[in-house]
């Protein structure tokens, strides 16, 4: 009877190779986690600056006849740090029976009188100005703590509802419209 016998170093080598790969994977994952934990939350301690953005007068000055949308009575605020560039933001959502042109005229006048500079919008996440979710108007202004971008867009599924948003990079870099 002929039996094939494996050489012990071959089996040991395969086991060592698999064990090594598992250790590298575990240690690599562990090292990544430790780096992430050491990095911490980049938005930590930004509450004062977030409040500064949220308190911009323009966010709380809707045109006559506009009112906070149901469920959006307060400003929605925060710090977003998922892209590597921390962005502070505050937005207000309003319902208005006014025509879009009247709403835009209100904010253009208000922003100009308050020192904001109108910029050509790049339409946000929309593909064109005709997209119902496109940014309709955009402004920038330098305020203490860094430049702020102000934009207005209409909700695509609620044509009488608009969102006014203010955003500022935590690092003080300006944001494009």
Foldseek 3Di string as FASTA:
>chain_A
DDDDDDDVVVVVVVVVVVVVVVVCVVVVVVVVVVVVVVVPDPCPPCVVVLVVQQPDVLQVDFPPQKAFDVVQNGWDWDWDCPPVWIKTKIKTKIFGPDDPVVRVVVSVVVCVVVPWAWDDFPQPPDPDPPPQFGFDTKTWDADPQAIKIWTKHADSVRRRMMMIMIMGTNVRDDDDD
